């Protein structure tokens, strides 16, 4: 191989290497300062939530008898008559299944190359969302709908869980998972034909979960709406605040010809 052919061969290898780097760019950047803020906020909120969770006192039998359904607004009052163990169990399936979503990024070549980065962001989002959910539950200590239902055994109403209605943890955690997946998927594959389906599923799955929580008698409509909004917001915002532009998005492109290498920057 003469010198010119070696030169052209080297240029081609360089072009292939740069092209591979260009198209495998991650849309996110992790920094020590940012991760300390997110991780600290998540762990701190979980710790505070765990402490606050111990403060509300349990219902007494006399308190249960004094509860008045008319104190509940008209919309939420619709959930008082509900109590379904089956709906509760199915909602648990949705909750558990939703936590599989981050691992689906292993199926894509581009996202798989940065799965560690994705899992760091997911861990931050999940802990923050869980902490905020528990803090909210503990501050409001709102009676669950089944507390007003005469068909529900009294021992169920006397548990600590009976005062944890607002917000819905199932709705918030499922929404966190689905919207996190949709946001990260869209950032890694902005031109994918699957985007409408991904976002549609992201919106639908937590909505179904929310309906099941109402049907189970565990939450009021306002509980699941607030939980849905909380989880969706955290799931979208945590990746958003890690967002950076890829080389392609900055207008940098690379072209390789038979005897040329072209690097351009559009601005």
C-alpha atoms as a PDB file:
ATOM      1  CA  UNK A   1       0.000   0.000   0.000  1.00  0.00           C
ATOM      2  CA  UNK A   2       1.579   3.274  -1.121  1.00  0.00           C
ATOM      3  CA  UNK A   3       1.672   6.448   0.946  1.00  0.00           C
ATOM      4  CA  UNK A   4      -1.372   8.047  -0.749  1.00  0.00           C
ATOM      5  CA  UNK A   5      -3.536   4.984  -0.182  1.00  0.00           C
ATOM      6  CA  UNK A   6      -2.401   4.784   3.426  1.00  0.00           C
ATOM      7  CA  UNK A   7      -3.315   8.432   3.836  1.00  0.00           C
ATOM      8  CA  UNK A   8      -6.786   7.929   2.341  1.00  0.00           C
ATOM      9  CA  UNK A   9      -7.307   4.788   4.419  1.00  0.00           C
ATOM     10  CA  UNK A  10      -6.390   6.676   7.584  1.00  0.00           C
ATOM     11  CA  UNK A  11      -8.799   9.461   6.684  1.00  0.00           C
ATOM     12  CA  UNK A  12     -11.599   6.959   6.165  1.00  0.00           C
ATOM     13  CA  UNK A  13     -10.931   5.343   9.546  1.00  0.00           C
ATOM     14  CA  UNK A  14     -10.910   8.780  11.164  1.00  0.00           C
ATOM     15  CA  UNK A  15     -14.170   9.650   9.415  1.00  0.00           C
ATOM     16  CA  UNK A  16     -15.829   6.438  10.521  1.00  0.00           C
ATOM     17  CA  UNK A  17     -14.638   6.987  14.083  1.00  0.00           C
ATOM     18  CA  UNK A  18     -15.862  10.566  14.176  1.00  0.00           C
ATOM     19  CA  UNK A  19     -19.149   9.628  12.528  1.00  0.00           C
ATOM     20  CA  UNK A  20     -19.722   6.907  15.107  1.00  0.00           C
ATOM     21  CA  UNK A  21     -18.985   9.378  17.875  1.00  0.00           C
ATOM     22  CA  UNK A  22     -21.282  11.941  16.316  1.00  0.00           C
ATOM     23  CA  UNK A  23     -24.264   9.632  16.075  1.00  0.00           C
ATOM     24  CA  UNK A  24     -23.769   8.097  19.523  1.00  0.00           C
ATOM     25  CA  UNK A  25     -23.684  11.402  21.339  1.00  0.00           C
ATOM     26  CA  UNK A  26     -25.669  11.511  24.538  1.00  0.00           C
ATOM     27  CA  UNK A  27     -28.157  14.378  24.885  1.00  0.00           C
ATOM     28  CA  UNK A  28     -27.344  14.632  28.602  1.00  0.00           C
ATOM     29  CA  UNK A  29     -24.448  15.781  30.744  1.00  0.00           C
ATOM     30  CA  UNK A  30     -23.802  14.748  34.334  1.00  0.00           C
ATOM     31  CA  UNK A  31     -21.831  17.072  36.596  1.00  0.00           C
ATOM     32  CA  UNK A  32     -20.761  16.642  40.185  1.00  0.00           C
ATOM     33  CA  UNK A  33     -22.568  19.777  41.346  1.00  0.00           C
ATOM     34  CA  UNK A  34     -25.806  18.899  39.594  1.00  0.00           C
ATOM     35  CA  UNK A  35     -25.836  15.286  40.759  1.00  0.00           C
ATOM     36  CA  UNK A  36     -25.144  16.309  44.348  1.00  0.00           C
ATOM     37  CA  UNK A  37     -28.130  18.656  44.190  1.00  0.00           C
ATOM     38  CA  UNK A  38     -30.509  16.068  42.718  1.00  0.00           C
ATOM     39  CA  UNK A  39     -29.273  13.133  44.786  1.00  0.00           C
ATOM     40  CA  UNK A  40     -29.219  15.224  47.947  1.00  0.00           C
ATOM     41  CA  UNK A  41     -32.722  16.534  47.310  1.00  0.00           C
ATOM     42  CA  UNK A  42     -34.039  13.028  46.682  1.00  0.00           C
ATOM     43  CA  UNK A  43     -32.424  11.393  49.686  1.00  0.00           C
ATOM     44  CA  UNK A  44     -33.199  14.379  51.919  1.00  0.00           C
ATOM     45  CA  UNK A  45     -36.874  14.390  50.938  1.00  0.00           C
ATOM     46  CA  UNK A  46     -37.110  10.647  51.546  1.00  0.00           C
ATOM     47  CA  UNK A  47     -35.588  11.037  54.992  1.00  0.00           C
ATOM     48  CA  UNK A  48     -37.900  13.914  55.874  1.00  0.00           C
ATOM     49  CA  UNK A  49     -40.882  12.001  54.544  1.00  0.00           C
ATOM     50  CA  UNK A  50     -40.006   8.924  56.591  1.00  0.00           C
ATOM     51  CA  UNK A  51     -39.836  11.070  59.730  1.00  0.00           C
ATOM     52  CA  UNK A  52     -43.085  12.921  59.044  1.00  0.00           C
ATOM     53  CA  UNK A  53     -44.793   9.614  58.307  1.00  0.00           C
ATOM     54  CA  UNK A  54     -44.430   8.631  61.955  1.00  0.00           C
ATOM     55  CA  UNK A  55     -46.134  11.759  63.342  1.00  0.00           C
ATOM     56  CA  UNK A  56     -49.866  11.446  62.462  1.00  0.00           C
ATOM     57  CA  UNK A  57     -51.827   9.565  65.095  1.00  0.00           C
ATOM     58  CA  UNK A  58     -53.993   6.616  64.147  1.00  0.00           C
ATOM     59  CA  UNK A  59     -57.769   6.919  64.053  1.00  0.00           C
ATOM     60  CA  UNK A  60     -59.620   5.874  67.170  1.00  0.00           C
ATOM     61  CA  UNK A  61     -62.981   4.081  66.943  1.00  0.00           C
ATOM     62  CA  UNK A  62     -64.719   7.231  68.240  1.00  0.00           C
ATOM     63  CA  UNK A  63     -63.055   9.372  65.558  1.00  0.00           C
ATOM     64  CA  UNK A  64     -64.185   6.963  62.861  1.00  0.00           C
ATOM     65  CA  UNK A  65     -67.787   7.237  64.012  1.00  0.00           C
ATOM     66  CA  UNK A  66     -67.590  11.032  63.978  1.00  0.00           C
ATOM     67  CA  UNK A  67     -66.400  11.310  60.374  1.00  0.00           C
ATOM     68  CA  UNK A  68     -68.929  12.984  58.087  1.00  0.00           C
ATOM     69  CA  UNK A  69     -68.917  12.203  54.324  1.00  0.00           C
ATOM     70  CA  UNK A  70     -70.474  15.610  53.702  1.00  0.00           C
ATOM     71  CA  UNK A  71     -67.130  17.149  54.639  1.00  0.00           C
ATOM     72  CA  UNK A  72     -65.748  15.712  51.395  1.00  0.00           C
ATOM     73  CA  UNK A  73     -66.249  17.767  48.224  1.00  0.00           C
ATOM     74  CA  UNK A  74     -68.815  16.529  45.711  1.00  0.00           C
ATOM     75  CA  UNK A  75     -66.273  15.233  43.196  1.00  0.00           C
ATOM     76  CA  UNK A  76     -64.257  13.231  45.713  1.00  0.00           C
ATOM     77  CA  UNK A  77     -67.381  11.945  47.429  1.00  0.00           C
ATOM     78  CA  UNK A  78     -67.928   9.688  44.398  1.00  0.00           C
ATOM     79  CA  UNK A  79     -65.080   7.458  45.603  1.00  0.00           C
ATOM     80  CA  UNK A  80     -66.445   6.794  49.094  1.00  0.00           C
ATOM     81  CA  UNK A  81     -68.592   3.819  48.111  1.00  0.00           C
ATOM     82  CA  UNK A  82     -65.709   2.071  46.315  1.00  0.00           C
ATOM     83  CA  UNK A  83     -63.720  -0.808  47.766  1.00  0.00           C
ATOM     84  CA  UNK A  84     -62.194  -3.468  45.525  1.00  0.00           C
ATOM     85  CA  UNK A  85     -59.304  -5.748  46.429  1.00  0.00           C
ATOM     86  CA  UNK A  86     -59.076  -6.831  42.798  1.00  0.00           C
ATOM     87  CA  UNK A  87     -58.611  -3.245  41.577  1.00  0.00           C
ATOM     88  CA  UNK A  88     -56.011  -2.743  44.289  1.00  0.00           C
ATOM     89  CA  UNK A  89     -54.034  -5.806  43.175  1.00  0.00           C
ATOM     90  CA  UNK A  90     -54.149  -4.844  39.492  1.00  0.00           C
ATOM     91  CA  UNK A  91     -52.923  -1.344  40.329  1.00  0.00           C
ATOM     92  CA  UNK A  92     -49.981  -2.956  42.137  1.00  0.00           C
ATOM     93  CA  UNK A  93     -49.133  -4.817  38.926  1.00  0.00           C
ATOM     94  CA  UNK A  94     -49.036  -1.484  37.070  1.00  0.00           C
ATOM     95  CA  UNK A  95     -46.827  -0.005  39.788  1.00  0.00           C
ATOM     96  CA  UNK A  96     -44.332  -2.868  39.731  1.00  0.00           C
ATOM     97  CA  UNK A  97     -44.355  -3.145  35.960  1.00  0.00           C
ATOM     98  CA  UNK A  98     -43.683   0.552  35.461  1.00  0.00           C
ATOM     99  CA  UNK A  99     -40.301   0.210  37.168  1.00  0.00           C
ATOM    100  CA  UNK A 100     -39.123  -1.973  34.282  1.00  0.00           C
ATOM    101  CA  UNK A 101     -39.316   0.951  31.838  1.00  0.00           C
ATOM    102  CA  UNK A 102     -35.755   2.342  32.315  1.00  0.00           C
ATOM    103  CA  UNK A 103     -34.284  -1.060  31.403  1.00  0.00           C
ATOM    104  CA  UNK A 104     -36.010  -0.880  28.003  1.00  0.00           C
ATOM    105  CA  UNK A 105     -33.267   1.545  26.971  1.00  0.00           C
ATOM    106  CA  UNK A 106     -30.969  -1.475  26.771  1.00  0.00           C
ATOM    107  CA  UNK A 107     -32.808  -2.391  23.563  1.00  0.00           C
ATOM    108  CA  UNK A 108     -31.601   0.703  21.699  1.00  0.00           C
ATOM    109  CA  UNK A 109     -27.974   0.939  20.540  1.00  0.00           C
ATOM    110  CA  UNK A 110     -27.606   4.646  21.215  1.00  0.00           C
ATOM    111  CA  UNK A 111     -29.296   4.640  24.619  1.00  0.00           C
ATOM    112  CA  UNK A 112     -27.640   1.357  25.621  1.00  0.00           C
ATOM    113  CA  UNK A 113     -24.231   2.999  25.221  1.00  0.00           C
ATOM    114  CA  UNK A 114     -25.174   5.468  27.962  1.00  0.00           C
ATOM    115  CA  UNK A 115     -27.331   3.264  30.190  1.00  0.00           C
ATOM    116  CA  UNK A 116     -25.286   4.168  33.263  1.00  0.00           C
ATOM    117  CA  UNK A 117     -26.002   7.851  32.736  1.00  0.00           C
ATOM    118  CA  UNK A 118     -29.713   7.143  32.235  1.00  0.00           C
ATOM    119  CA  UNK A 119     -29.909   5.049  35.397  1.00  0.00           C
ATOM    120  CA  UNK A 120     -28.258   7.807  37.452  1.00  0.00           C
ATOM    121  CA  UNK A 121     -30.915  10.271  36.292  1.00  0.00           C
ATOM    122  CA  UNK A 122     -33.648   7.715  36.888  1.00  0.00           C
ATOM    123  CA  UNK A 123     -32.436   7.042  40.421  1.00  0.00           C
ATOM    124  CA  UNK A 124     -32.449  10.764  41.154  1.00  0.00           C
ATOM    125  CA  UNK A 125     -35.932  11.207  39.714  1.00  0.00           C
ATOM    126  CA  UNK A 126     -37.370   8.171  41.524  1.00  0.00           C
ATOM    127  CA  UNK A 127     -35.996   9.113  44.947  1.00  0.00           C
ATOM    128  CA  UNK A 128     -37.080  12.736  44.591  1.00  0.00           C
ATOM    129  CA  UNK A 129     -40.588  11.754  43.497  1.00  0.00           C
ATOM    130  CA  UNK A 130     -40.940   9.195  46.289  1.00  0.00           C
ATOM    131  CA  UNK A 131     -39.725  11.689  48.875  1.00  0.00           C
ATOM    132  CA  UNK A 132     -42.108  14.416  47.723  1.00  0.00           C
ATOM    133  CA  UNK A 133     -44.991  11.928  47.660  1.00  0.00           C
ATOM    134  CA  UNK A 134     -44.379  10.725  51.220  1.00  0.00           C
ATOM    135  CA  UNK A 135     -43.898  14.291  52.503  1.00  0.00           C
ATOM    136  CA  UNK A 136     -47.205  15.354  50.957  1.00  0.00           C
ATOM    137  CA  UNK A 137     -49.037  12.345  52.374  1.00  0.00           C
ATOM    138  CA  UNK A 138     -47.621  13.054  55.823  1.00  0.00           C
ATOM    139  CA  UNK A 139     -48.455  16.759  55.801  1.00  0.00           C
ATOM    140  CA  UNK A 140     -52.052  16.330  54.663  1.00  0.00           C
ATOM    141  CA  UNK A 141     -52.741  12.954  56.401  1.00  0.00           C
ATOM    142  CA  UNK A 142     -56.052  12.865  54.534  1.00  0.00           C
ATOM    143  CA  UNK A 143     -58.416   9.947  55.335  1.00  0.00           C
ATOM    144  CA  UNK A 144     -58.736   7.470  52.485  1.00  0.00           C
ATOM    145  CA  UNK A 145     -62.190   6.989  50.920  1.00  0.00           C
ATOM    146  CA  UNK A 146     -62.593   3.515  52.419  1.00  0.00           C
ATOM    147  CA  UNK A 147     -62.583   5.081  55.884  1.00  0.00           C
ATOM    148  CA  UNK A 148     -66.123   6.323  55.176  1.00  0.00           C
ATOM    149  CA  UNK A 149     -67.261   2.959  53.794  1.00  0.00           C
ATOM    150  CA  UNK A 150     -69.297   0.928  56.303  1.00  0.00           C
ATOM    151  CA  UNK A 151     -68.489  -2.305  54.416  1.00  0.00           C
ATOM    152  CA  UNK A 152     -64.754  -2.013  55.183  1.00  0.00           C
ATOM    153  CA  UNK A 153     -63.504  -3.776  58.350  1.00  0.00           C
ATOM    154  CA  UNK A 154     -62.663  -1.436  61.217  1.00  0.00           C
ATOM    155  CA  UNK A 155     -59.145  -2.831  61.640  1.00  0.00           C
ATOM    156  CA  UNK A 156     -58.320  -1.637  58.124  1.00  0.00           C
ATOM    157  CA  UNK A 157     -59.516   1.853  58.992  1.00  0.00           C
ATOM    158  CA  UNK A 158     -57.425   1.935  62.157  1.00  0.00           C
ATOM    159  CA  UNK A 159     -54.120   1.364  60.320  1.00  0.00           C
ATOM    160  CA  UNK A 160     -51.588   4.141  59.681  1.00  0.00           C
ATOM    161  CA  UNK A 161     -52.201   3.737  55.966  1.00  0.00           C
ATOM    162  CA  UNK A 162     -55.776   4.998  56.450  1.00  0.00           C
ATOM    163  CA  UNK A 163     -54.454   8.572  56.681  1.00  0.00           C
ATOM    164  CA  UNK A 164     -52.332   8.554  53.517  1.00  0.00           C
ATOM    165  CA  UNK A 165     -54.753   9.474  50.755  1.00  0.00           C
ATOM    166  CA  UNK A 166     -53.225  12.669  49.321  1.00  0.00           C
ATOM    167  CA  UNK A 167     -51.370  12.295  47.017  1.00  0.00           C
ATOM    168  CA  UNK A 168     -51.647   8.932  45.259  1.00  0.00           C
ATOM    169  CA  UNK A 169     -48.279   7.210  45.407  1.00  0.00           C
ATOM    170  CA  UNK A 170     -49.259   4.693  42.730  1.00  0.00           C
ATOM    171  CA  UNK A 171     -50.274   7.441  40.314  1.00  0.00           C
ATOM    172  CA  UNK A 172     -47.160   9.514  40.999  1.00  0.00           C
ATOM    173  CA  UNK A 173     -44.680   6.627  40.690  1.00  0.00           C
ATOM    174  CA  UNK A 174     -46.237   5.148  37.559  1.00  0.00           C
ATOM    175  CA  UNK A 175     -46.374   8.605  35.943  1.00  0.00           C
ATOM    176  CA  UNK A 176     -42.760   9.215  36.979  1.00  0.00           C
ATOM    177  CA  UNK A 177     -41.675   6.045  35.192  1.00  0.00           C
ATOM    178  CA  UNK A 178     -43.683   6.474  32.011  1.00  0.00           C
ATOM    179  CA  UNK A 179     -42.976  10.163  31.498  1.00  0.00           C
ATOM    180  CA  UNK A 180     -39.290   9.714  32.320  1.00  0.00           C
ATOM    181  CA  UNK A 181     -39.132   7.010  29.667  1.00  0.00           C
ATOM    182  CA  UNK A 182     -40.974   9.138  27.109  1.00  0.00           C
ATOM    183  CA  UNK A 183     -38.772  12.173  27.735  1.00  0.00           C
ATOM    184  CA  UNK A 184     -35.486  10.271  27.533  1.00  0.00           C
ATOM    185  CA  UNK A 185     -36.662   8.264  24.514  1.00  0.00           C
ATOM    186  CA  UNK A 186     -37.573  11.488  22.698  1.00  0.00           C
ATOM    187  CA  UNK A 187     -34.205  13.047  23.489  1.00  0.00           C
ATOM    188  CA  UNK A 188     -32.255  10.026  22.250  1.00  0.00           C
ATOM    189  CA  UNK A 189     -34.466   9.308  19.242  1.00  0.00           C
ATOM    190  CA  UNK A 190     -36.011  12.668  18.261  1.00  0.00           C
ATOM    191  CA  UNK A 191     -37.000  11.461  14.793  1.00  0.00           C
ATOM    192  CA  UNK A 192     -38.413   8.076  15.785  1.00  0.00           C
ATOM    193  CA  UNK A 193     -41.792   7.105  14.360  1.00  0.00           C
ATOM    194  CA  UNK A 194     -42.559   5.550  17.752  1.00  0.00           C
ATOM    195  CA  UNK A 195     -42.640   8.869  19.606  1.00  0.00           C
ATOM    196  CA  UNK A 196     -46.456   9.393  19.400  1.00  0.00           C
ATOM    197  CA  UNK A 197     -47.029   5.852  20.694  1.00  0.00           C
ATOM    198  CA  UNK A 198     -44.494   6.292  23.497  1.00  0.00           C
ATOM    199  CA  UNK A 199     -46.036   9.559  24.681  1.00  0.00           C
ATOM    200  CA  UNK A 200     -49.538   8.122  24.321  1.00  0.00           C
ATOM    201  CA  UNK A 201     -48.599   5.164  26.509  1.00  0.00           C
ATOM    202  CA  UNK A 202     -46.862   7.501  28.970  1.00  0.00           C
ATOM    203  CA  UNK A 203     -50.104   9.420  29.443  1.00  0.00           C
ATOM    204  CA  UNK A 204     -52.460   6.421  29.400  1.00  0.00           C
ATOM    205  CA  UNK A 205     -50.767   3.939  31.754  1.00  0.00           C
ATOM    206  CA  UNK A 206     -50.774   6.203  34.844  1.00  0.00           C
ATOM    207  CA  UNK A 207     -54.329   7.292  33.993  1.00  0.00           C
ATOM    208  CA  UNK A 208     -55.470   3.643  34.096  1.00  0.00           C
ATOM    209  CA  UNK A 209     -53.567   3.188  37.344  1.00  0.00           C
ATOM    210  CA  UNK A 210     -55.299   6.258  38.771  1.00  0.00           C
ATOM    211  CA  UNK A 211     -58.719   4.872  37.836  1.00  0.00           C
ATOM    212  CA  UNK A 212     -57.900   1.574  39.562  1.00  0.00           C
ATOM    213  CA  UNK A 213     -56.856   3.396  42.740  1.00  0.00           C
ATOM    214  CA  UNK A 214     -60.218   5.183  42.814  1.00  0.00           C
ATOM    215  CA  UNK A 215     -62.060   1.927  42.119  1.00  0.00           C
ATOM    216  CA  UNK A 216     -60.132   0.257  44.943  1.00  0.00           C
ATOM    217  CA  UNK A 217     -61.391   2.877  47.409  1.00  0.00           C
ATOM    218  CA  UNK A 218     -57.823   3.960  48.161  1.00  0.00           C
ATOM    219  CA  UNK A 219     -57.939   7.442  46.627  1.00  0.00           C
ATOM    220  CA  UNK A 220     -60.185  10.326  45.640  1.00  0.00           C
ATOM    221  CA  UNK A 221     -60.090  11.818  42.124  1.00  0.00           C
ATOM    222  CA  UNK A 222     -58.120  14.833  43.373  1.00  0.00           C
ATOM    223  CA  UNK A 223     -55.536  12.497  44.953  1.00  0.00           C
ATOM    224  CA  UNK A 224     -54.759  10.739  41.695  1.00  0.00           C
ATOM    225  CA  UNK A 225     -54.806  13.940  39.640  1.00  0.00           C
ATOM    226  CA  UNK A 226     -52.244  15.510  41.959  1.00  0.00           C
ATOM    227  CA  UNK A 227     -50.136  12.335  42.015  1.00  0.00           C
ATOM    228  CA  UNK A 228     -50.255  12.084  38.230  1.00  0.00           C
ATOM    229  CA  UNK A 229     -49.109  15.708  37.861  1.00  0.00           C
ATOM    230  CA  UNK A 230     -46.317  15.312  40.415  1.00  0.00           C
ATOM    231  CA  UNK A 231     -44.875  12.155  38.855  1.00  0.00           C
ATOM    232  CA  UNK A 232     -45.119  13.486  35.306  1.00  0.00           C
ATOM    233  CA  UNK A 233     -43.415  16.759  36.272  1.00  0.00           C
ATOM    234  CA  UNK A 234     -40.494  15.053  38.031  1.00  0.00           C
ATOM    235  CA  UNK A 235     -40.140  12.466  35.254  1.00  0.00           C
ATOM    236  CA  UNK A 236     -39.818  15.172  32.618  1.00  0.00           C
ATOM    237  CA  UNK A 237     -37.910  17.855  34.528  1.00  0.00           C
ATOM    238  CA  UNK A 238     -35.035  15.762  35.894  1.00  0.00           C
ATOM    239  CA  UNK A 239     -33.861  14.711  32.391  1.00  0.00           C
ATOM    240  CA  UNK A 240     -34.653  18.207  31.103  1.00  0.00           C
ATOM    241  CA  UNK A 241     -32.257  19.835  33.568  1.00  0.00           C
ATOM    242  CA  UNK A 242     -29.537  17.398  32.478  1.00  0.00           C
ATOM    243  CA  UNK A 243     -30.106  18.214  28.822  1.00  0.00           C
ATOM    244  CA  UNK A 244     -27.270  19.346  26.576  1.00  0.00           C
ATOM    245  CA  UNK A 245     -27.002  19.682  22.823  1.00  0.00           C
ATOM    246  CA  UNK A 246     -25.496  16.910  20.725  1.00  0.00           C
ATOM    247  CA  UNK A 247     -23.037  17.759  17.964  1.00  0.00           C
ATOM    248  CA  UNK A 248     -25.759  17.219  15.366  1.00  0.00           C
ATOM    249  CA  UNK A 249     -28.107  19.594  17.176  1.00  0.00           C
ATOM    250  CA  UNK A 250     -25.325  22.195  17.239  1.00  0.00           C
ATOM    251  CA  UNK A 251     -25.166  21.996  13.452  1.00  0.00           C
ATOM    252  CA  UNK A 252     -21.903  20.059  13.259  1.00  0.00           C
ATOM    253  CA  UNK A 253     -21.819  17.461  10.513  1.00  0.00           C
ATOM    254  CA  UNK A 254     -19.160  15.205   9.006  1.00  0.00           C
ATOM    255  CA  UNK A 255     -18.796  14.005   5.422  1.00  0.00           C
ATOM    256  CA  UNK A 256     -16.302  11.476   4.074  1.00  0.00           C
ATOM    257  CA  UNK A 257     -15.469  11.223   0.387  1.00  0.00           C
ATOM    258  CA  UNK A 258     -13.026   9.132  -1.639  1.00  0.00           C
ATOM    259  CA  UNK A 259     -10.211  11.580  -1.182  1.00  0.00           C
ATOM    260  CA  UNK A 260     -11.698  14.133   1.188  1.00  0.00           C
ATOM    261  CA  UNK A 261     -12.958  14.662   4.709  1.00  0.00           C
ATOM    262  CA  UNK A 262     -15.490  17.447   5.314  1.00  0.00           C
ATOM    263  CA  UNK A 263     -16.388  18.818   8.742  1.00  0.00           C
ATOM    264  CA  UNK A 264     -18.995  21.574   8.711  1.00  0.00           C
ATOM    265  CA  UNK A 265     -20.618  23.748  11.336  1.00  0.00           C
ATOM    266  CA  UNK A 266     -23.982  25.353  10.597  1.00  0.00           C
ATOM    267  CA  UNK A 267     -24.967  28.347  12.741  1.00  0.00           C
END
